[in-house]
Protein backbone atom coordinates (compact mmCIF):
# COMPACT_ATOMS: atom_id res chain seq x y z
CA MET A 1 0.00 0.00 0.00
CA VAL A 2 1.39 3.39 -1.04
CA THR A 3 0.52 6.42 1.07
CA LEU A 4 -0.63 9.60 -0.68
CA PRO A 5 0.42 12.34 1.73
CA GLY A 6 -1.80 15.28 2.55
CA SER A 7 0.80 17.66 1.13
CA LEU A 8 0.23 16.05 -2.29
CA LEU A 9 -3.57 15.84 -2.22
CA GLU A 10 -4.05 19.35 -0.84
CA GLU A 11 -2.57 20.81 -4.02
CA TYR A 12 -5.79 19.79 -5.79
CA ALA A 13 -9.45 20.72 -5.48
CA ARG A 14 -10.68 17.10 -5.62
CA PHE A 15 -9.48 13.54 -5.76
CA SER A 16 -10.96 10.11 -6.43
CA LEU A 17 -9.50 6.61 -6.30
CA TYR A 18 -12.63 4.91 -7.65
CA ASN A 19 -14.67 7.22 -9.90
CA SER A 20 -13.57 5.61 -13.17
CA PRO A 21 -14.48 2.58 -15.33
CA TYR A 22 -10.86 1.63 -16.03
CA PRO A 23 -9.02 -1.35 -14.50
CA ALA A 24 -6.24 0.90 -13.22
CA HIS A 25 -8.66 2.11 -10.57
CA ASP A 26 -9.72 -1.37 -9.45
CA GLY A 27 -9.04 -1.65 -5.74
CA GLY A 28 -8.00 2.01 -5.57
CA CYS A 29 -4.72 1.51 -7.48
CA ALA A 30 -4.80 4.92 -9.20
CA VAL A 31 -5.93 8.39 -8.22
CA ASP A 32 -7.55 11.08 -10.35
CA LEU A 33 -6.41 14.54 -9.23
CA TYR A 34 -8.58 17.52 -10.18
CA PRO A 35 -6.92 20.95 -10.13
CA ASP A 36 -8.95 24.03 -9.18
CA THR A 37 -11.56 24.48 -11.87
CA LEU A 38 -14.65 26.38 -12.87
CA ARG A 39 -18.05 24.70 -13.13
CA ASP A 40 -17.45 23.72 -16.77
CA GLY A 41 -14.47 21.56 -15.79
CA ARG A 42 -12.24 22.98 -18.51
CA THR A 43 -9.15 24.02 -16.55
CA THR A 44 -5.89 23.40 -18.41
CA ALA A 45 -3.48 23.64 -15.47
CA ALA A 46 -1.47 20.44 -14.87
CA PRO A 47 0.57 20.81 -11.63
CA SER A 48 2.88 17.88 -10.91
CA PRO A 49 1.91 15.78 -7.87
CA VAL A 50 5.52 14.69 -7.31
CA SER A 51 9.11 15.87 -7.64
CA GLY A 52 11.60 13.91 -9.71
CA THR A 53 13.05 13.36 -13.16
CA VAL A 54 11.18 12.63 -16.36
CA ARG A 55 12.03 9.12 -17.46
CA GLU A 56 9.94 8.97 -20.64
CA VAL A 57 7.13 10.70 -22.51
CA ARG A 58 5.02 8.57 -24.84
CA THR A 59 2.01 9.40 -27.04
CA VAL A 60 -0.79 6.83 -26.87
CA ARG A 61 -3.95 6.39 -28.91
CA ALA A 62 -7.18 7.07 -27.04
CA PRO A 63 -10.61 5.55 -27.69
CA PRO A 64 -12.32 7.54 -30.47
CA LYS A 65 -14.91 9.98 -29.11
CA PRO A 66 -16.45 12.90 -31.05
CA TYR A 67 -15.85 15.33 -28.18
CA ALA A 68 -12.29 14.28 -27.32
CA ALA A 69 -8.71 14.38 -28.55
CA GLU A 70 -7.52 11.42 -30.61
CA HIS A 71 -4.34 10.96 -28.57
CA ASP A 72 -3.34 11.03 -24.93
CA HIS A 73 0.15 11.04 -23.41
CA LEU A 74 1.91 8.90 -20.82
CA LEU A 75 4.49 10.59 -18.59
CA LEU A 76 6.81 8.45 -16.48
CA LEU A 77 8.52 10.27 -13.60
CA GLU A 78 11.20 8.83 -11.31
CA CYS A 79 10.04 10.16 -7.94
CA ASP A 80 12.23 11.54 -5.18
CA GLY A 81 9.45 13.26 -3.27
CA PRO A 82 7.24 13.35 -1.29
CA ASP A 83 9.19 10.92 0.89
CA SER A 84 6.56 8.16 0.89
CA LEU A 85 6.83 8.01 -2.93
CA ALA A 86 10.62 8.25 -3.28
CA GLY A 87 12.05 5.51 -5.49
CA LEU A 88 8.76 4.80 -7.24
CA ILE A 89 7.78 5.50 -10.85
CA ALA A 90 4.80 7.85 -11.24
CA ARG A 91 2.61 7.03 -14.24
CA ILE A 92 0.64 10.12 -15.34
CA LEU A 93 -1.98 10.45 -18.10
CA HIS A 94 -4.22 13.21 -19.57
CA VAL A 95 -1.48 15.83 -19.95
CA GLU A 96 -0.14 17.42 -23.14
CA PRO A 97 3.49 17.44 -21.96
CA ALA A 98 5.78 20.44 -21.96
CA LEU A 99 8.66 18.25 -20.78
CA GLU A 100 10.98 15.64 -22.22
CA ALA A 101 13.11 12.78 -20.89
CA GLY A 102 15.78 14.00 -18.49
CA ASP A 103 13.93 17.15 -17.37
CA ARG A 104 13.71 17.86 -13.64
CA VAL A 105 10.34 18.76 -12.10
CA GLU A 106 9.35 19.89 -8.60
CA ARG A 107 5.98 19.17 -7.00
CA GLY A 108 3.54 21.84 -8.20
CA ASP A 109 5.51 22.66 -11.36
CA SER A 110 3.57 22.58 -14.60
CA LEU A 111 3.77 19.32 -16.55
CA GLY A 112 2.09 20.93 -19.54
CA SER A 113 -1.63 21.34 -20.14
CA LEU A 114 -4.51 18.97 -19.40
CA VAL A 115 -6.21 17.30 -22.33
CA ARG A 116 -9.64 15.73 -22.78
CA ALA A 117 -8.90 12.41 -24.44
CA GLY A 118 -11.23 9.59 -25.41
CA PHE A 119 -10.68 7.91 -22.04
CA PHE A 120 -13.08 10.53 -20.61
CA ALA A 121 -16.83 10.21 -20.31
CA PRO A 122 -18.41 13.53 -21.41
CA TRP A 123 -19.40 14.44 -17.83
CA VAL A 124 -15.87 14.03 -16.42
CA ASP A 125 -13.89 17.17 -15.52
CA ASN A 126 -10.27 17.62 -16.58
CA HIS A 127 -7.81 15.84 -14.29
CA LEU A 128 -4.49 14.03 -13.96
CA HIS A 129 -4.63 10.24 -13.74
CA VAL A 130 -1.77 9.05 -11.51
CA GLY A 131 -0.53 5.60 -10.50
CA PHE A 132 2.72 4.34 -8.95
CA ARG A 133 4.92 1.33 -9.65
CA THR A 134 8.26 0.00 -8.52
CA PRO A 135 11.17 0.36 -10.97
CA GLU A 136 11.01 -3.40 -11.63
CA GLN A 137 7.38 -3.30 -12.81
CA ASN A 138 6.21 -2.82 -16.38
CA PRO A 139 5.27 0.89 -16.54
CA TYR A 140 3.29 0.64 -19.77
CA ARG A 141 0.49 -1.82 -18.92
CA ALA A 142 -2.79 -0.15 -17.95
CA SER A 143 -3.14 -2.33 -14.85
CA GLY A 144 -0.52 -3.24 -12.27
CA SER A 145 -0.12 -0.07 -10.21
CA LEU A 146 0.22 -0.24 -6.43
CA ALA A 147 -2.78 0.21 -4.14
CA LEU A 148 -3.07 3.73 -2.74
CA GLU A 149 -4.14 5.08 0.65
CA PRO A 150 -5.00 8.80 1.02
CA ALA A 151 -3.41 10.17 4.20
CA VAL A 152 -6.01 12.89 4.77
CA ASP A 153 -9.12 12.95 6.90
CA VAL A 154 -12.22 13.19 4.69
CA ARG A 155 -15.16 14.74 6.52
CA PRO A 156 -18.43 12.87 5.88
CA LEU A 157 -21.25 15.28 5.00
CA PRO A 158 -24.81 14.16 5.75
CA TRP A 159 -27.13 14.53 2.78
CA ASP A 160 -30.85 13.82 2.70
CA GLY A 161 -30.89 13.32 -1.08
CA THR A 162 -32.45 16.67 -1.90
CA GLY A 163 -31.08 19.87 -3.43
CA THR A 164 -31.45 22.59 -6.01
CA VAL A 165 -29.60 22.53 -9.33
CA VAL A 166 -26.88 25.20 -9.40
CA ALA A 167 -25.06 24.06 -12.55
CA ALA A 168 -26.10 21.91 -15.51
CA GLY A 169 -24.54 20.63 -18.71
CA ASP A 170 -25.59 18.29 -21.48
CA THR A 171 -24.75 15.21 -19.40
CA TYR A 172 -24.79 16.28 -15.75
CA ALA A 173 -26.35 18.50 -13.08
CA VAL A 174 -24.78 19.71 -9.82
CA LEU A 175 -26.86 20.33 -6.70
CA ASP A 176 -26.29 22.87 -3.94
CA ALA A 177 -26.29 20.10 -1.34
CA PRO A 178 -24.54 18.90 0.60
CA PRO A 179 -22.56 22.18 0.80
CA HIS A 180 -18.93 22.29 1.88
CA PRO A 181 -18.92 23.83 5.40
CA ALA A 182 -15.38 25.27 5.14
CA PRO A 183 -14.09 25.40 1.55
CA GLY A 184 -10.34 25.04 1.22
CA GLU A 185 -9.79 23.84 4.77
CA SER A 186 -10.49 20.12 4.46
CA PHE A 187 -11.71 17.37 2.16
CA VAL A 188 -15.34 16.31 2.33
CA GLY A 189 -17.50 13.62 0.75
CA ILE A 190 -21.06 12.30 0.83
CA ARG A 191 -21.76 10.42 4.06
CA THR A 192 -23.18 6.91 4.08
CA ASP A 193 -25.64 5.85 6.75
CA ASP A 194 -22.87 4.26 8.84
CA GLY A 195 -20.63 7.33 8.68
CA GLY A 196 -18.26 6.44 5.82
CA VAL A 197 -17.57 8.51 2.70
CA LEU A 198 -18.54 7.28 -0.78
CA ASP A 199 -16.15 7.43 -3.73
CA GLY A 200 -17.12 6.29 -7.22
CA GLY A 201 -19.75 6.36 -9.93
CA LEU A 202 -22.95 4.82 -8.53
CA PRO A 203 -23.93 2.61 -10.36
CA HIS A 204 -22.63 3.63 -13.82
CA TYR A 205 -19.18 2.24 -12.99
CA ASP A 206 -18.84 -1.34 -11.76
CA GLY A 207 -17.90 -0.46 -8.20
CA GLY A 208 -16.74 2.23 -5.83
CA GLY A 209 -14.97 2.82 -2.57
CA LEU A 210 -15.72 3.62 1.06
CA TYR A 211 -13.50 5.65 3.37
CA ALA A 212 -14.31 4.87 7.00
CA ASP A 213 -12.52 4.29 10.31
CA ASP A 214 -14.16 0.89 10.77
CA ARG A 215 -14.26 -0.87 7.42
CA SER A 216 -15.36 -4.49 7.73
CA ALA A 217 -15.59 -6.82 4.74
CA GLY A 218 -19.12 -7.85 3.91
CA SER A 219 -20.81 -4.86 5.54
CA VAL A 220 -23.71 -3.24 3.71
CA VAL A 221 -23.34 0.31 2.38
CA SER A 222 -26.50 2.44 2.30
CA LEU A 223 -27.50 6.05 1.68
CA ASN A 224 -30.63 7.49 3.29
CA GLY A 225 -31.83 3.98 4.01
CA ASP A 226 -31.35 2.88 0.40
CA ARG A 227 -28.92 -0.01 0.03
CA CYS A 228 -26.05 0.66 -2.42
CA GLY A 229 -23.68 -2.30 -2.16
CA VAL A 230 -21.32 -4.41 -0.07
CA VAL A 231 -17.76 -3.79 1.14
CA GLY A 232 -15.18 -6.19 -0.29
CA GLU A 233 -12.40 -8.20 1.33
CA ASP A 234 -9.99 -5.25 1.28
CA GLY A 235 -12.29 -3.32 3.62
CA ARG A 236 -12.92 -0.37 1.30
CA THR A 237 -13.78 -1.44 -2.27
CA VAL A 238 -17.56 -1.58 -2.75
CA ALA A 239 -19.40 -3.81 -5.20
CA TRP A 240 -22.59 -1.98 -6.13
CA ASP A 241 -25.90 -3.78 -5.91
CA ASP A 242 -28.11 -3.99 -8.97
CA VAL A 243 -29.60 -0.55 -8.40
CA VAL A 244 -30.79 2.50 -10.28
CA VAL A 245 -30.48 6.11 -9.15
CA THR A 246 -33.63 8.17 -9.55
CA ALA A 247 -34.12 11.93 -9.62
CA ASN A 248 -37.66 13.04 -8.83
CA GLY A 249 -38.74 9.45 -9.41
CA ASP A 250 -37.21 9.04 -12.86
CA PRO A 251 -34.09 6.92 -13.53
CA ILE A 252 -30.81 8.65 -14.37
CA THR A 253 -27.39 7.25 -15.25
CA GLY A 254 -25.97 7.68 -11.77
CA LEU A 255 -24.48 9.68 -8.92
CA SER A 256 -20.83 10.80 -9.10
CA THR A 257 -19.05 10.77 -5.72
CA PHE A 258 -15.54 11.92 -4.80
CA CYS A 259 -13.56 13.82 -2.17
CA ALA A 260 -13.34 17.61 -2.49
CA ARG A 261 -12.03 20.69 -0.74
CA ASP A 262 -13.45 23.33 -3.10
CA GLY A 263 -16.52 25.44 -2.47
CA ASP A 264 -18.38 24.13 -5.51
CA PHE A 265 -18.92 20.77 -3.82
CA GLY A 266 -22.41 19.31 -4.14
CA ALA A 267 -24.02 16.10 -5.34
CA LYS A 268 -23.31 15.55 -9.05
CA LEU A 269 -26.01 13.79 -11.05
CA ILE A 270 -25.01 11.99 -14.26
CA CYS A 271 -27.97 12.39 -16.59
CA PRO A 272 -27.22 12.45 -20.35
CA ASP A 273 -30.80 11.36 -21.08
CA ARG A 274 -32.50 13.83 -18.74
CA THR A 275 -32.53 17.63 -18.77
CA PHE A 276 -32.27 19.68 -15.59
CA ARG A 277 -32.23 23.45 -15.36
CA VAL A 278 -30.63 25.73 -12.80
CA GLY A 279 -33.16 26.26 -10.03
CA ASP A 280 -34.85 22.85 -10.35
CA ALA A 281 -35.57 21.13 -7.04
CA VAL A 282 -34.44 17.49 -7.05
CA ARG A 283 -34.84 14.48 -4.77
CA VAL A 284 -32.44 11.58 -5.31
CA ARG A 285 -33.12 7.99 -4.31
CA ILE A 286 -31.43 4.63 -4.93
CA ARG A 287 -33.76 1.80 -5.92
CA SER A 288 -33.28 -1.87 -6.68
CA SER A 289 -33.40 -2.54 -10.41
CA VAL A 290 -35.43 -5.66 -9.65
CA GLU A 291 -38.12 -3.61 -7.92
CA ARG A 292 -38.41 -1.35 -10.92
């Protein structure tokens, strides 16, 4: 298990170990780091999460999407800081690099500019995808990165499933609840009924994660009395039940959950087949697909 120190995570507005459909995130083996951004998610800043030396820069083909760039880029950095990451190889995607092999970079330095490649769903904000491997591991395979543990306290925010739309796009809507009580001071996330914090796309990605002090395998995860899934053997990965998220009684694609320290935090509804407008009142529930 590799520790992600608070000094690294606090450079970003949001992070998620599970909110992705790709195998690299299985078991929380990669982290998506979201720099400060406006509501439209189109920031281009790409601050480095680590210090070290660029080992290689490689252009890779991305899945074809009409709204995305045809190519992405893989940056391999030999880390010498923060201390918990020294000696590891950082594997970074979704950056148009302004560096080349042999260049030195400090944590927070620009790696280039963020790109929206075909690995993105249309509702996903710009971010850096980061994983870590030992020097002996193959750095090119999509899977194989080390499991990660965020070394920050994430405050669980109670949410009753209701809110008012404050931002909306073609594929998503953001609610004003639950609001961040102290933006910039700490990370927060949506609280489960037992006090943990949800991370992941429910249920539009196969599974998610749970951050909690007491994480027992096999325990049920629920939100406002609605069962979501079950905690796995590692004590934090969650296998979603066969459920559907509803907004005002109608099914939507899902609920996007993550950890954030920015003031724009609020429940994010994924709804490419449903239109919401700013000012709409919404009630979210989680229902069994069998019942429907």
